[in-house]
């Protein structure tokens, strides 16, 4: 990793007090109730809060957290744990303090994002199953589909624009467009596309 990339993946040491951790917990609790279509659909708002408003993470840290979680096996909500981990690392710095605060960041973020949505999903699923034939329930399910698609497109835009516009980073945008077509028109497994993207990045083509 060259020097500039290394610098971009670090952030100045943060001074986070108990109120800041509590605000982070409350933020993820509120965001949990808006995570329609999965936690990844709320990534644009997480970017606004963590990177643009609070400056607790850098753009490369935010993008790397999502990319690593998506490439790893398991639920994609794990990227929130990585975001919390990086906030803690930025607060504690290198060494044991950073590791402890990183673990605290993971716990705060995951508990905040999982608790309300899990309870709501459990209650709503039971109610929806009992009333699945109601017109309002069917209309709600159909109406949420375009909302979810819009949120996922917004997430893609936030991740792509961090690397530059189409004029300056055209290989990346071209690769993104090709990937969209492959996902849409073929049954090629996502792991092959992730591997191809990793190879292209490693050789410096994107």
C-alpha atoms as a PDB file:
ATOM      1  CA  UNK A   1       0.000   0.000   0.000  1.00  0.00           C
ATOM      2  CA  UNK A   2       1.483   3.349  -0.981  1.00  0.00           C
ATOM      3  CA  UNK A   3       1.829   6.283   1.418  1.00  0.00           C
ATOM      4  CA  UNK A   4      -1.109   8.304   0.096  1.00  0.00           C
ATOM      5  CA  UNK A   5      -3.482   5.368   0.332  1.00  0.00           C
ATOM      6  CA  UNK A   6      -2.291   4.600   3.842  1.00  0.00           C
ATOM      7  CA  UNK A   7      -2.921   8.193   4.881  1.00  0.00           C
ATOM      8  CA  UNK A   8      -6.394   8.158   3.356  1.00  0.00           C
ATOM      9  CA  UNK A   9      -7.333   5.115   5.404  1.00  0.00           C
ATOM     10  CA  UNK A  10      -6.576   6.797   8.700  1.00  0.00           C
ATOM     11  CA  UNK A  11      -8.276   9.654  10.506  1.00  0.00           C
ATOM     12  CA  UNK A  12      -7.139  12.118  13.180  1.00  0.00           C
ATOM     13  CA  UNK A  13      -7.520  10.789  16.732  1.00  0.00           C
ATOM     14  CA  UNK A  14     -11.067  11.467  17.869  1.00  0.00           C
ATOM     15  CA  UNK A  15     -12.128  12.647  21.315  1.00  0.00           C
ATOM     16  CA  UNK A  16     -15.347  10.736  21.901  1.00  0.00           C
ATOM     17  CA  UNK A  17     -17.065  11.080  25.267  1.00  0.00           C
ATOM     18  CA  UNK A  18     -19.930   9.029  26.756  1.00  0.00           C
ATOM     19  CA  UNK A  19     -22.445  11.415  25.160  1.00  0.00           C
ATOM     20  CA  UNK A  20     -20.962  10.744  21.717  1.00  0.00           C
ATOM     21  CA  UNK A  21     -21.234   6.962  22.150  1.00  0.00           C
ATOM     22  CA  UNK A  22     -24.801   7.345  23.389  1.00  0.00           C
ATOM     23  CA  UNK A  23     -25.633   9.541  20.385  1.00  0.00           C
ATOM     24  CA  UNK A  24     -24.125   6.884  18.103  1.00  0.00           C
ATOM     25  CA  UNK A  25     -26.321   4.261  19.771  1.00  0.00           C
ATOM     26  CA  UNK A  26     -29.437   6.449  19.416  1.00  0.00           C
ATOM     27  CA  UNK A  27     -28.591   7.171  15.780  1.00  0.00           C
ATOM     28  CA  UNK A  28     -28.446   3.485  14.896  1.00  0.00           C
ATOM     29  CA  UNK A  29     -31.610   2.797  16.868  1.00  0.00           C
ATOM     30  CA  UNK A  30     -33.474   5.406  14.817  1.00  0.00           C
ATOM     31  CA  UNK A  31     -31.884   4.227  11.576  1.00  0.00           C
ATOM     32  CA  UNK A  32     -32.844   0.654  12.381  1.00  0.00           C
ATOM     33  CA  UNK A  33     -36.522   1.485  11.901  1.00  0.00           C
ATOM     34  CA  UNK A  34     -35.789   2.938   8.440  1.00  0.00           C
ATOM     35  CA  UNK A  35     -33.728   0.001   7.149  1.00  0.00           C
ATOM     36  CA  UNK A  36     -36.325  -1.112   4.613  1.00  0.00           C
ATOM     37  CA  UNK A  37     -34.712  -3.559   2.193  1.00  0.00           C
ATOM     38  CA  UNK A  38     -31.779  -4.274   4.472  1.00  0.00           C
ATOM     39  CA  UNK A  39     -29.198  -2.226   6.315  1.00  0.00           C
ATOM     40  CA  UNK A  40     -27.228  -1.593   3.126  1.00  0.00           C
ATOM     41  CA  UNK A  41     -30.099   0.573   1.854  1.00  0.00           C
ATOM     42  CA  UNK A  42     -29.392   3.067   4.639  1.00  0.00           C
ATOM     43  CA  UNK A  43     -25.678   3.381   3.817  1.00  0.00           C
ATOM     44  CA  UNK A  44     -26.113   6.869   2.265  1.00  0.00           C
ATOM     45  CA  UNK A  45     -27.448   8.227   5.555  1.00  0.00           C
ATOM     46  CA  UNK A  46     -24.661   6.490   7.502  1.00  0.00           C
ATOM     47  CA  UNK A  47     -22.174   8.200   5.179  1.00  0.00           C
ATOM     48  CA  UNK A  48     -23.840  11.553   5.805  1.00  0.00           C
ATOM     49  CA  UNK A  49     -23.732  11.059   9.588  1.00  0.00           C
ATOM     50  CA  UNK A  50     -20.364   9.349  10.118  1.00  0.00           C
ATOM     51  CA  UNK A  51     -18.259  10.954   7.359  1.00  0.00           C
ATOM     52  CA  UNK A  52     -19.821  14.293   6.425  1.00  0.00           C
ATOM     53  CA  UNK A  53     -21.427  15.461   9.675  1.00  0.00           C
ATOM     54  CA  UNK A  54     -19.384  13.942  12.515  1.00  0.00           C
ATOM     55  CA  UNK A  55     -16.117  13.273  10.613  1.00  0.00           C
ATOM     56  CA  UNK A  56     -15.672  10.091  12.668  1.00  0.00           C
ATOM     57  CA  UNK A  57     -14.666   8.132   9.546  1.00  0.00           C
ATOM     58  CA  UNK A  58     -12.876   8.927   6.308  1.00  0.00           C
ATOM     59  CA  UNK A  59     -14.352   8.145   2.908  1.00  0.00           C
ATOM     60  CA  UNK A  60     -11.884   5.265   2.308  1.00  0.00           C
ATOM     61  CA  UNK A  61     -12.681   3.768   5.733  1.00  0.00           C
ATOM     62  CA  UNK A  62     -16.408   3.908   4.994  1.00  0.00           C
ATOM     63  CA  UNK A  63     -16.055   2.305   1.559  1.00  0.00           C
ATOM     64  CA  UNK A  64     -13.583  -0.318   2.777  1.00  0.00           C
ATOM     65  CA  UNK A  65     -15.930  -1.348   5.604  1.00  0.00           C
ATOM     66  CA  UNK A  66     -18.735  -2.047   3.152  1.00  0.00           C
ATOM     67  CA  UNK A  67     -16.496  -3.750   0.596  1.00  0.00           C
ATOM     68  CA  UNK A  68     -14.921  -6.103   3.157  1.00  0.00           C
ATOM     69  CA  UNK A  69     -18.286  -7.024   4.688  1.00  0.00           C
ATOM     70  CA  UNK A  70     -19.829  -7.692   1.281  1.00  0.00           C
ATOM     71  CA  UNK A  71     -16.920  -9.895   0.232  1.00  0.00           C
ATOM     72  CA  UNK A  72     -16.991 -11.880   3.477  1.00  0.00           C
ATOM     73  CA  UNK A  73     -19.466 -14.698   4.145  1.00  0.00           C
ATOM     74  CA  UNK A  74     -22.387 -13.928   6.405  1.00  0.00           C
ATOM     75  CA  UNK A  75     -25.109 -11.267   6.554  1.00  0.00           C
ATOM     76  CA  UNK A  76     -24.306  -7.931   4.940  1.00  0.00           C
ATOM     77  CA  UNK A  77     -25.286  -6.114   8.143  1.00  0.00           C
ATOM     78  CA  UNK A  78     -21.766  -6.944   9.325  1.00  0.00           C
ATOM     79  CA  UNK A  79     -20.532  -3.812   7.580  1.00  0.00           C
ATOM     80  CA  UNK A  80     -22.114  -1.836  10.432  1.00  0.00           C
ATOM     81  CA  UNK A  81     -19.884  -3.686  12.888  1.00  0.00           C
ATOM     82  CA  UNK A  82     -16.865  -2.658  10.807  1.00  0.00           C
ATOM     83  CA  UNK A  83     -18.042   0.955  10.757  1.00  0.00           C
ATOM     84  CA  UNK A  84     -18.313   0.886  14.566  1.00  0.00           C
ATOM     85  CA  UNK A  85     -14.931  -0.818  14.806  1.00  0.00           C
ATOM     86  CA  UNK A  86     -13.283   1.914  12.731  1.00  0.00           C
ATOM     87  CA  UNK A  87     -14.926   4.662  14.789  1.00  0.00           C
ATOM     88  CA  UNK A  88     -13.477   3.044  17.921  1.00  0.00           C
ATOM     89  CA  UNK A  89     -10.048   2.645  16.327  1.00  0.00           C
ATOM     90  CA  UNK A  90     -10.073   6.310  15.330  1.00  0.00           C
ATOM     91  CA  UNK A  91     -10.985   7.224  18.925  1.00  0.00           C
ATOM     92  CA  UNK A  92      -8.498   4.973  20.668  1.00  0.00           C
ATOM     93  CA  UNK A  93      -5.585   5.027  18.265  1.00  0.00           C
ATOM     94  CA  UNK A  94      -3.142   2.149  17.874  1.00  0.00           C
ATOM     95  CA  UNK A  95      -2.698  -0.314  20.715  1.00  0.00           C
ATOM     96  CA  UNK A  96      -4.975  -1.844  23.351  1.00  0.00           C
ATOM     97  CA  UNK A  97      -7.088   1.310  23.779  1.00  0.00           C
ATOM     98  CA  UNK A  98      -7.969   1.266  20.114  1.00  0.00           C
ATOM     99  CA  UNK A  99      -8.922  -2.415  20.243  1.00  0.00           C
ATOM    100  CA  UNK A 100     -11.136  -1.894  23.303  1.00  0.00           C
ATOM    101  CA  UNK A 101     -12.881   1.121  21.823  1.00  0.00           C
ATOM    102  CA  UNK A 102     -13.178  -0.720  18.524  1.00  0.00           C
ATOM    103  CA  UNK A 103     -15.014  -3.524  20.320  1.00  0.00           C
ATOM    104  CA  UNK A 104     -17.182  -0.919  22.052  1.00  0.00           C
ATOM    105  CA  UNK A 105     -17.974   0.675  18.688  1.00  0.00           C
ATOM    106  CA  UNK A 106     -19.005  -2.673  17.228  1.00  0.00           C
ATOM    107  CA  UNK A 107     -21.267  -3.442  20.205  1.00  0.00           C
ATOM    108  CA  UNK A 108     -22.880   0.003  20.212  1.00  0.00           C
ATOM    109  CA  UNK A 109     -23.588   0.010  16.472  1.00  0.00           C
ATOM    110  CA  UNK A 110     -24.802  -3.590  16.204  1.00  0.00           C
ATOM    111  CA  UNK A 111     -27.008  -3.430  19.300  1.00  0.00           C
ATOM    112  CA  UNK A 112     -28.481  -0.131  18.131  1.00  0.00           C
ATOM    113  CA  UNK A 113     -29.253  -1.322  14.613  1.00  0.00           C
ATOM    114  CA  UNK A 114     -30.477  -4.806  15.515  1.00  0.00           C
ATOM    115  CA  UNK A 115     -32.651  -4.304  18.590  1.00  0.00           C
ATOM    116  CA  UNK A 116     -35.528  -2.098  17.288  1.00  0.00           C
ATOM    117  CA  UNK A 117     -35.741  -3.695  13.834  1.00  0.00           C
ATOM    118  CA  UNK A 118     -35.700  -7.226  15.251  1.00  0.00           C
ATOM    119  CA  UNK A 119     -38.529  -6.488  17.661  1.00  0.00           C
ATOM    120  CA  UNK A 120     -40.520  -4.628  15.002  1.00  0.00           C
ATOM    121  CA  UNK A 121     -39.985  -7.375  12.425  1.00  0.00           C
ATOM    122  CA  UNK A 122     -41.105 -10.043  14.857  1.00  0.00           C
ATOM    123  CA  UNK A 123     -44.278  -8.166  15.770  1.00  0.00           C
ATOM    124  CA  UNK A 124     -45.055  -7.030  12.193  1.00  0.00           C
ATOM    125  CA  UNK A 125     -44.490 -10.496  10.741  1.00  0.00           C
ATOM    126  CA  UNK A 126     -46.916 -12.056  13.168  1.00  0.00           C
ATOM    127  CA  UNK A 127     -49.521  -9.367  12.464  1.00  0.00           C
ATOM    128  CA  UNK A 128     -48.949  -9.453   8.692  1.00  0.00           C
ATOM    129  CA  UNK A 129     -49.281 -13.211   8.561  1.00  0.00           C
ATOM    130  CA  UNK A 130     -52.593 -13.074  10.385  1.00  0.00           C
ATOM    131  CA  UNK A 131     -53.851 -10.326   8.021  1.00  0.00           C
ATOM    132  CA  UNK A 132     -52.114 -11.325   4.784  1.00  0.00           C
ATOM    133  CA  UNK A 133     -55.338 -11.262   2.765  1.00  0.00           C
ATOM    134  CA  UNK A 134     -56.159  -7.675   3.585  1.00  0.00           C
ATOM    135  CA  UNK A 135     -55.939  -5.276   0.645  1.00  0.00           C
ATOM    136  CA  UNK A 136     -53.896  -2.784   2.641  1.00  0.00           C
ATOM    137  CA  UNK A 137     -51.268  -5.394   3.540  1.00  0.00           C
ATOM    138  CA  UNK A 138     -50.884  -6.495  -0.093  1.00  0.00           C
ATOM    139  CA  UNK A 139     -50.659  -2.873  -1.284  1.00  0.00           C
ATOM    140  CA  UNK A 140     -48.004  -2.090   1.321  1.00  0.00           C
ATOM    141  CA  UNK A 141     -45.818  -4.979   0.145  1.00  0.00           C
ATOM    142  CA  UNK A 142     -46.128  -3.932  -3.518  1.00  0.00           C
ATOM    143  CA  UNK A 143     -45.480  -0.264  -2.750  1.00  0.00           C
ATOM    144  CA  UNK A 144     -42.276  -0.929  -0.831  1.00  0.00           C
ATOM    145  CA  UNK A 145     -40.526  -2.567  -3.811  1.00  0.00           C
ATOM    146  CA  UNK A 146     -39.689   0.684  -5.714  1.00  0.00           C
ATOM    147  CA  UNK A 147     -38.647   2.332  -2.443  1.00  0.00           C
ATOM    148  CA  UNK A 148     -36.114  -0.420  -1.790  1.00  0.00           C
ATOM    149  CA  UNK A 149     -34.758  -0.177  -5.349  1.00  0.00           C
ATOM    150  CA  UNK A 150     -34.325   3.588  -4.981  1.00  0.00           C
ATOM    151  CA  UNK A 151     -32.464   3.216  -1.680  1.00  0.00           C
ATOM    152  CA  UNK A 152     -30.098   0.636  -3.174  1.00  0.00           C
ATOM    153  CA  UNK A 153     -29.379   2.916  -6.148  1.00  0.00           C
ATOM    154  CA  UNK A 154     -28.599   5.762  -3.741  1.00  0.00           C
ATOM    155  CA  UNK A 155     -26.159   3.480  -1.894  1.00  0.00           C
ATOM    156  CA  UNK A 156     -24.416   2.595  -5.152  1.00  0.00           C
ATOM    157  CA  UNK A 157     -24.080   6.263  -6.039  1.00  0.00           C
ATOM    158  CA  UNK A 158     -22.509   7.156  -2.673  1.00  0.00           C
ATOM    159  CA  UNK A 159     -19.941   4.349  -2.962  1.00  0.00           C
ATOM    160  CA  UNK A 160     -19.032   5.146  -6.581  1.00  0.00           C
ATOM    161  CA  UNK A 161     -18.705   8.926  -6.340  1.00  0.00           C
ATOM    162  CA  UNK A 162     -16.134   8.667  -3.527  1.00  0.00           C
ATOM    163  CA  UNK A 163     -13.597   7.588  -6.163  1.00  0.00           C
ATOM    164  CA  UNK A 164     -14.251  10.472  -8.562  1.00  0.00           C
ATOM    165  CA  UNK A 165     -16.682  11.399 -11.313  1.00  0.00           C
ATOM    166  CA  UNK A 166     -17.184   9.552 -14.596  1.00  0.00           C
ATOM    167  CA  UNK A 167     -14.716  11.860 -16.404  1.00  0.00           C
ATOM    168  CA  UNK A 168     -11.808  11.160 -14.039  1.00  0.00           C
ATOM    169  CA  UNK A 169     -12.570   7.601 -12.923  1.00  0.00           C
ATOM    170  CA  UNK A 170     -14.179   6.226 -16.090  1.00  0.00           C
ATOM    171  CA  UNK A 171     -12.718   2.690 -15.704  1.00  0.00           C
ATOM    172  CA  UNK A 172     -14.451   2.351 -12.343  1.00  0.00           C
ATOM    173  CA  UNK A 173     -17.751   3.630 -13.695  1.00  0.00           C
ATOM    174  CA  UNK A 174     -17.445   1.390 -16.746  1.00  0.00           C
ATOM    175  CA  UNK A 175     -16.785  -1.606 -14.523  1.00  0.00           C
ATOM    176  CA  UNK A 176     -19.801  -0.679 -12.388  1.00  0.00           C
ATOM    177  CA  UNK A 177     -22.025  -0.478 -15.480  1.00  0.00           C
ATOM    178  CA  UNK A 178     -20.788  -3.846 -16.763  1.00  0.00           C
ATOM    179  CA  UNK A 179     -21.410  -5.393 -13.344  1.00  0.00           C
ATOM    180  CA  UNK A 180     -24.970  -4.071 -13.290  1.00  0.00           C
ATOM    181  CA  UNK A 181     -25.648  -5.650 -16.689  1.00  0.00           C
ATOM    182  CA  UNK A 182     -24.129  -8.979 -15.626  1.00  0.00           C
ATOM    183  CA  UNK A 183     -26.174  -9.107 -12.424  1.00  0.00           C
ATOM    184  CA  UNK A 184     -29.319  -8.156 -14.332  1.00  0.00           C
ATOM    185  CA  UNK A 185     -28.998 -10.377 -17.403  1.00  0.00           C
ATOM    186  CA  UNK A 186     -26.970 -13.390 -16.276  1.00  0.00           C
ATOM    187  CA  UNK A 187     -26.819 -15.893 -13.440  1.00  0.00           C
ATOM    188  CA  UNK A 188     -23.090 -15.412 -12.888  1.00  0.00           C
ATOM    189  CA  UNK A 189     -22.299 -15.885  -9.205  1.00  0.00           C
ATOM    190  CA  UNK A 190     -21.497 -12.668  -7.350  1.00  0.00           C
ATOM    191  CA  UNK A 191     -18.276 -14.137  -5.969  1.00  0.00           C
ATOM    192  CA  UNK A 192     -16.818 -14.288  -9.497  1.00  0.00           C
ATOM    193  CA  UNK A 193     -17.536 -10.598  -9.973  1.00  0.00           C
ATOM    194  CA  UNK A 194     -16.061  -9.757  -6.577  1.00  0.00           C
ATOM    195  CA  UNK A 195     -12.933 -11.734  -7.468  1.00  0.00           C
ATOM    196  CA  UNK A 196     -12.653 -10.001 -10.853  1.00  0.00           C
ATOM    197  CA  UNK A 197     -12.987  -6.587  -9.192  1.00  0.00           C
ATOM    198  CA  UNK A 198     -10.304  -7.497  -6.656  1.00  0.00           C
ATOM    199  CA  UNK A 199      -7.908  -8.588  -9.420  1.00  0.00           C
ATOM    200  CA  UNK A 200      -8.534  -5.438 -11.473  1.00  0.00           C
ATOM    201  CA  UNK A 201      -7.939  -3.315  -8.379  1.00  0.00           C
ATOM    202  CA  UNK A 202      -4.775  -5.221  -7.482  1.00  0.00           C
ATOM    203  CA  UNK A 203      -3.246  -4.650 -10.922  1.00  0.00           C
ATOM    204  CA  UNK A 204      -4.254  -0.982 -10.834  1.00  0.00           C
ATOM    205  CA  UNK A 205      -6.786  -0.974 -13.680  1.00  0.00           C
ATOM    206  CA  UNK A 206      -9.518   0.538 -11.516  1.00  0.00           C
END
